Amino acid sequence: MNLIQTIQFRGIPAEKLYNAYLSSVEHGKMTTSGEGEDKTLATNKDLVTDLPSILVLRFKATAFGSEIQMAHINVPDYEVFIEQTGEKDTLGKIINTHWGLQYWEPMQKYFGCNL
């Protein structure tokens, strides 16, 4: 399964997003719990640590700020269960949803973008 998403960051320069994404301290502040720890998938780390997938992020300036274009290629489609949320679905569908919940929405909030 291939996942493709484009997320807008109104008023935020692409360089600022890129630098924050690469900084472990900044990355932790702007994602998931604000500490950088992915608590939702914590019990399934053995399932997601050795994926034969490729993640490509493109940080692009736009007329109104910037955007991140994300392509997550070759996400395996086996079924997973996340105990904390009760979710049961293919890994690709769960990852597709959790990109928004654990990265894009917290990042937009961190940078003060309108959701």
N, C-alpha and C. Protein backbone atom coordinates (compact mmCIF):
# COMPACT_ATOMS: atom_id res chain seq x y z
N MET A 1 0.84 -1.17 0.00
CA MET A 1 0.00 0.00 0.00
C MET A 1 0.88 1.24 0.00
N ASN A 2 0.49 2.23 -0.77
CA ASN A 2 1.19 3.51 -0.80
C ASN A 2 0.28 4.58 -0.22
N LEU A 3 0.81 5.40 0.66
CA LEU A 3 0.06 6.47 1.30
C LEU A 3 0.62 7.80 0.82
N ILE A 4 -0.26 8.70 0.40
CA ILE A 4 0.18 10.02 -0.06
C ILE A 4 -0.70 11.06 0.62
N GLN A 5 -0.06 12.04 1.25
CA GLN A 5 -0.78 13.12 1.92
C GLN A 5 -0.05 14.44 1.67
N THR A 6 -0.81 15.53 1.62
CA THR A 6 -0.25 16.87 1.54
C THR A 6 -0.89 17.69 2.65
N ILE A 7 -0.07 18.32 3.47
CA ILE A 7 -0.53 19.06 4.63
C ILE A 7 -0.07 20.51 4.53
N GLN A 8 -0.99 21.44 4.74
CA GLN A 8 -0.70 22.87 4.64
C GLN A 8 -0.31 23.45 5.99
N PHE A 9 0.65 24.36 5.97
CA PHE A 9 1.07 25.09 7.17
C PHE A 9 1.06 26.57 6.82
N ARG A 10 -0.09 27.19 7.02
CA ARG A 10 -0.30 28.59 6.65
C ARG A 10 0.57 29.50 7.52
N GLY A 11 1.34 30.36 6.84
CA GLY A 11 2.16 31.34 7.54
C GLY A 11 3.48 30.82 8.09
N ILE A 12 3.81 29.56 7.83
CA ILE A 12 5.04 28.98 8.35
C ILE A 12 5.99 28.69 7.18
N PRO A 13 7.21 29.24 7.21
CA PRO A 13 8.17 28.97 6.14
C PRO A 13 8.56 27.49 6.08
N ALA A 14 8.76 26.98 4.88
CA ALA A 14 9.14 25.57 4.70
C ALA A 14 10.44 25.26 5.43
N GLU A 15 11.39 26.18 5.43
CA GLU A 15 12.67 25.96 6.10
C GLU A 15 12.49 25.75 7.61
N LYS A 16 11.55 26.48 8.20
CA LYS A 16 11.28 26.33 9.64
C LYS A 16 10.71 24.94 9.94
N LEU A 17 9.81 24.47 9.10
CA LEU A 17 9.26 23.11 9.26
C LEU A 17 10.36 22.06 9.11
N TYR A 18 11.17 22.22 8.09
CA TYR A 18 12.24 21.26 7.81
C TYR A 18 13.22 21.19 8.99
N ASN A 19 13.65 22.34 9.47
CA ASN A 19 14.61 22.36 10.59
C ASN A 19 13.99 21.78 11.86
N ALA A 20 12.73 22.07 12.11
CA ALA A 20 12.06 21.52 13.29
C ALA A 20 11.92 20.01 13.17
N TYR A 21 11.64 19.53 11.99
CA TYR A 21 11.48 18.09 11.78
C TYR A 21 12.79 17.35 12.05
N LEU A 22 13.91 17.97 11.72
CA LEU A 22 15.22 17.33 11.90
C LEU A 22 15.78 17.44 13.31
N SER A 23 15.29 18.38 14.10
CA SER A 23 15.77 18.57 15.47
C SER A 23 15.02 17.62 16.40
N SER A 24 15.74 16.77 17.12
CA SER A 24 15.07 15.82 18.01
C SER A 24 14.28 16.54 19.10
N VAL A 25 14.80 17.64 19.62
CA VAL A 25 14.10 18.38 20.66
C VAL A 25 12.83 19.01 20.08
N GLU A 26 12.97 19.71 18.97
CA GLU A 26 11.83 20.37 18.34
C GLU A 26 10.81 19.34 17.85
N HIS A 27 11.28 18.27 17.27
CA HIS A 27 10.40 17.21 16.77
C HIS A 27 9.56 16.65 17.91
N GLY A 28 10.17 16.43 19.05
CA GLY A 28 9.45 15.93 20.21
C GLY A 28 8.39 16.89 20.70
N LYS A 29 8.67 18.18 20.65
CA LYS A 29 7.71 19.18 21.12
C LYS A 29 6.50 19.30 20.20
N MET A 30 6.68 19.05 18.93
CA MET A 30 5.60 19.32 17.97
C MET A 30 4.78 18.10 17.58
N THR A 31 5.11 16.92 18.10
CA THR A 31 4.38 15.72 17.69
C THR A 31 3.77 14.98 18.87
N THR A 32 2.80 14.15 18.59
CA THR A 32 2.08 13.28 19.52
C THR A 32 1.81 13.92 20.87
N SER A 33 2.40 13.43 21.92
CA SER A 33 2.10 13.89 23.27
C SER A 33 2.85 15.18 23.62
N GLY A 34 3.64 15.70 22.70
CA GLY A 34 4.45 16.86 23.01
C GLY A 34 5.80 16.47 23.56
N GLU A 35 6.01 15.18 23.75
CA GLU A 35 7.28 14.68 24.26
C GLU A 35 8.02 13.88 23.19
N GLY A 36 7.39 13.69 22.05
CA GLY A 36 8.01 12.94 20.97
C GLY A 36 7.84 11.44 21.07
N GLU A 37 7.11 10.97 22.06
CA GLU A 37 6.93 9.53 22.21
C GLU A 37 5.61 9.12 21.58
N ASP A 38 5.64 8.13 20.74
CA ASP A 38 4.45 7.63 20.07
C ASP A 38 3.77 6.62 20.99
N LYS A 39 2.89 7.09 21.87
CA LYS A 39 2.27 6.22 22.86
C LYS A 39 1.24 5.28 22.25
N THR A 40 0.58 5.68 21.17
CA THR A 40 -0.46 4.85 20.59
C THR A 40 0.09 3.55 20.03
N LEU A 41 1.22 3.61 19.35
CA LEU A 41 1.78 2.42 18.74
C LEU A 41 2.83 1.74 19.61
N ALA A 42 2.97 2.18 20.86
CA ALA A 42 4.04 1.67 21.73
C ALA A 42 4.00 0.16 21.90
N THR A 43 2.84 -0.43 22.01
CA THR A 43 2.78 -1.87 22.23
C THR A 43 3.03 -2.66 20.95
N ASN A 44 3.04 -1.99 19.82
CA ASN A 44 3.23 -2.67 18.54
C ASN A 44 4.58 -2.36 17.91
N LYS A 45 5.54 -1.88 18.70
CA LYS A 45 6.83 -1.51 18.13
C LYS A 45 7.51 -2.67 17.42
N ASP A 46 7.27 -3.89 17.91
CA ASP A 46 7.88 -5.03 17.23
C ASP A 46 7.28 -5.22 15.83
N LEU A 47 6.09 -4.70 15.60
CA LEU A 47 5.45 -4.83 14.30
C LEU A 47 5.92 -3.75 13.32
N VAL A 48 6.30 -2.59 13.82
CA VAL A 48 6.57 -1.48 12.92
C VAL A 48 8.04 -1.05 12.87
N THR A 49 8.93 -1.77 13.50
CA THR A 49 10.33 -1.33 13.51
C THR A 49 11.12 -1.83 12.31
N ASP A 50 10.65 -2.86 11.63
CA ASP A 50 11.43 -3.41 10.52
C ASP A 50 10.60 -3.45 9.23
N LEU A 51 9.97 -2.32 8.93
CA LEU A 51 9.13 -2.26 7.75
C LEU A 51 9.97 -2.12 6.48
N PRO A 52 9.59 -2.83 5.42
CA PRO A 52 10.27 -2.65 4.14
C PRO A 52 9.67 -1.48 3.38
N SER A 53 9.47 -0.36 4.06
CA SER A 53 8.82 0.77 3.42
C SER A 53 9.77 1.95 3.33
N ILE A 54 9.37 2.92 2.52
CA ILE A 54 10.17 4.13 2.30
C ILE A 54 9.28 5.32 2.59
N LEU A 55 9.81 6.28 3.33
CA LEU A 55 9.10 7.51 3.62
C LEU A 55 9.81 8.67 2.95
N VAL A 56 9.06 9.45 2.18
CA VAL A 56 9.62 10.63 1.51
C VAL A 56 8.81 11.84 1.95
N LEU A 57 9.49 12.85 2.48
CA LEU A 57 8.85 14.09 2.87
C LEU A 57 9.43 15.20 2.02
N ARG A 58 8.57 16.00 1.43
CA ARG A 58 9.01 17.14 0.62
C ARG A 58 8.46 18.41 1.26
N PHE A 59 9.34 19.29 1.67
CA PHE A 59 8.96 20.55 2.30
C PHE A 59 8.95 21.61 1.20
N LYS A 60 7.80 22.22 0.97
CA LYS A 60 7.64 23.11 -0.18
C LYS A 60 7.05 24.45 0.25
N ALA A 61 7.67 25.54 -0.20
CA ALA A 61 7.12 26.87 0.04
C ALA A 61 5.89 27.06 -0.83
N THR A 62 4.86 27.72 -0.28
CA THR A 62 3.65 28.04 -1.04
C THR A 62 3.38 29.53 -0.89
N ALA A 63 2.40 30.02 -1.61
CA ALA A 63 2.04 31.44 -1.54
C ALA A 63 1.57 31.84 -0.15
N PHE A 64 1.04 30.90 0.62
CA PHE A 64 0.49 31.22 1.94
C PHE A 64 1.31 30.67 3.10
N GLY A 65 2.46 30.11 2.84
CA GLY A 65 3.30 29.53 3.89
C GLY A 65 4.09 28.37 3.33
N SER A 66 3.66 27.15 3.68
CA SER A 66 4.36 25.98 3.18
C SER A 66 3.46 24.75 3.27
N GLU A 67 3.98 23.67 2.74
CA GLU A 67 3.28 22.39 2.84
C GLU A 67 4.31 21.28 2.92
N ILE A 68 3.86 20.18 3.49
CA ILE A 68 4.67 18.97 3.48
C ILE A 68 3.93 17.96 2.62
N GLN A 69 4.63 17.45 1.62
CA GLN A 69 4.09 16.38 0.80
C GLN A 69 4.73 15.09 1.28
N MET A 70 3.89 14.16 1.71
CA MET A 70 4.38 12.91 2.28
C MET A 70 3.98 11.75 1.39
N ALA A 71 4.95 10.90 1.10
CA ALA A 71 4.68 9.64 0.40
C ALA A 71 5.29 8.52 1.24
N HIS A 72 4.47 7.58 1.65
CA HIS A 72 4.91 6.43 2.43
C HIS A 72 4.67 5.21 1.53
N ILE A 73 5.74 4.67 0.99
CA ILE A 73 5.68 3.65 -0.06
C ILE A 73 5.92 2.26 0.51
N ASN A 74 5.19 1.28 -0.01
CA ASN A 74 5.33 -0.13 0.36
C ASN A 74 5.00 -0.42 1.82
N VAL A 75 3.96 0.20 2.33
CA VAL A 75 3.52 -0.09 3.70
C VAL A 75 2.85 -1.47 3.67
N PRO A 76 3.32 -2.41 4.48
CA PRO A 76 2.73 -3.74 4.48
C PRO A 76 1.25 -3.69 4.86
N ASP A 77 0.47 -4.61 4.34
CA ASP A 77 -0.96 -4.61 4.58
C ASP A 77 -1.43 -5.72 5.51
N TYR A 78 -0.59 -6.15 6.45
CA TYR A 78 -1.06 -7.16 7.39
C TYR A 78 -1.92 -6.49 8.46
N GLU A 79 -2.74 -7.27 9.13
CA GLU A 79 -3.66 -6.74 10.13
C GLU A 79 -2.96 -6.54 11.47
N VAL A 80 -3.29 -5.41 12.12
CA VAL A 80 -2.75 -5.12 13.44
C VAL A 80 -3.88 -4.73 14.38
N PHE A 81 -3.62 -4.87 15.67
CA PHE A 81 -4.56 -4.46 16.70
C PHE A 81 -3.82 -3.55 17.67
N ILE A 82 -4.39 -2.37 17.93
CA ILE A 82 -3.80 -1.43 18.87
C ILE A 82 -4.63 -1.48 20.14
N GLU A 83 -4.05 -2.06 21.16
CA GLU A 83 -4.75 -2.31 22.41
C GLU A 83 -5.32 -1.04 23.05
N GLN A 84 -4.55 0.05 23.06
CA GLN A 84 -4.97 1.28 23.74
C GLN A 84 -6.21 1.90 23.12
N THR A 85 -6.38 1.77 21.81
CA THR A 85 -7.50 2.41 21.14
C THR A 85 -8.56 1.41 20.68
N GLY A 86 -8.23 0.14 20.68
CA GLY A 86 -9.16 -0.88 20.21
C GLY A 86 -9.23 -0.98 18.70
N GLU A 87 -8.34 -0.27 18.00
CA GLU A 87 -8.34 -0.29 16.54
C GLU A 87 -7.82 -1.62 16.02
N LYS A 88 -8.50 -2.13 15.00
CA LYS A 88 -8.06 -3.34 14.33
C LYS A 88 -8.28 -3.12 12.84
N ASP A 89 -7.21 -3.11 12.10
CA ASP A 89 -7.28 -2.86 10.66
C ASP A 89 -5.94 -3.20 10.04
N THR A 90 -5.82 -2.98 8.75
CA THR A 90 -4.53 -3.22 8.11
C THR A 90 -3.55 -2.14 8.57
N LEU A 91 -2.28 -2.49 8.60
CA LEU A 91 -1.25 -1.55 9.05
C LEU A 91 -1.30 -0.27 8.23
N GLY A 92 -1.45 -0.40 6.92
CA GLY A 92 -1.50 0.78 6.06
C GLY A 92 -2.61 1.74 6.42
N LYS A 93 -3.81 1.24 6.69
CA LYS A 93 -4.93 2.11 7.04
C LYS A 93 -4.70 2.78 8.40
N ILE A 94 -4.17 2.02 9.34
CA ILE A 94 -3.90 2.61 10.66
C ILE A 94 -2.82 3.67 10.57
N ILE A 95 -1.76 3.39 9.85
CA ILE A 95 -0.69 4.38 9.69
C ILE A 95 -1.21 5.62 8.99
N ASN A 96 -2.04 5.44 7.96
CA ASN A 96 -2.59 6.57 7.22
C ASN A 96 -3.37 7.50 8.15
N THR A 97 -4.16 6.94 9.04
CA THR A 97 -4.93 7.73 10.01
C THR A 97 -4.00 8.38 11.04
N HIS A 98 -3.04 7.63 11.53
CA HIS A 98 -2.19 8.12 12.61
C HIS A 98 -1.19 9.18 12.17
N TRP A 99 -0.87 9.24 10.87
CA TRP A 99 -0.04 10.36 10.41
C TRP A 99 -0.71 11.67 10.77
N GLY A 100 -2.01 11.76 10.51
CA GLY A 100 -2.74 12.98 10.83
C GLY A 100 -2.86 13.22 12.31
N LEU A 101 -3.20 12.19 13.05
CA LEU A 101 -3.43 12.33 14.49
C LEU A 101 -2.15 12.59 15.28
N GLN A 102 -1.06 11.97 14.88
CA GLN A 102 0.15 12.06 15.69
C GLN A 102 1.23 12.97 15.13
N TYR A 103 1.07 13.38 13.88
CA TYR A 103 2.06 14.31 13.31
C TYR A 103 1.42 15.60 12.84
N TRP A 104 0.55 15.53 11.84
CA TRP A 104 0.08 16.75 11.18
C TRP A 104 -0.72 17.66 12.11
N GLU A 105 -1.70 17.11 12.81
CA GLU A 105 -2.51 17.96 13.70
C GLU A 105 -1.68 18.56 14.83
N PRO A 106 -0.85 17.77 15.54
CA PRO A 106 -0.01 18.38 16.58
C PRO A 106 0.99 19.40 16.02
N MET A 107 1.52 19.15 14.83
CA MET A 107 2.46 20.10 14.23
C MET A 107 1.76 21.41 13.90
N GLN A 108 0.57 21.32 13.32
CA GLN A 108 -0.17 22.54 12.99
C GLN A 108 -0.51 23.32 14.26
N LYS A 109 -0.87 22.62 15.30
CA LYS A 109 -1.16 23.27 16.58
C LYS A 109 0.10 23.92 17.14
N TYR A 110 1.22 23.21 17.13
CA TYR A 110 2.49 23.71 17.64
C TYR A 110 2.91 25.00 16.94
N PHE A 111 2.73 25.04 15.62
CA PHE A 111 3.12 26.21 14.85
C PHE A 111 2.03 27.29 14.79
N GLY A 112 0.89 27.04 15.44
CA GLY A 112 -0.17 28.03 15.48
C GLY A 112 -0.94 28.17 14.19
N CYS A 113 -1.00 27.11 13.40
CA CYS A 113 -1.76 27.13 12.14
C CYS A 113 -3.22 26.83 12.44
N ASN A 114 -4.08 27.38 11.61
CA ASN A 114 -5.51 27.06 11.72
C ASN A 114 -5.74 25.67 11.17
N LEU A 115 -6.43 24.83 11.96
CA LEU A 115 -6.70 23.47 11.51
C LEU A 115 -7.92 23.43 10.63
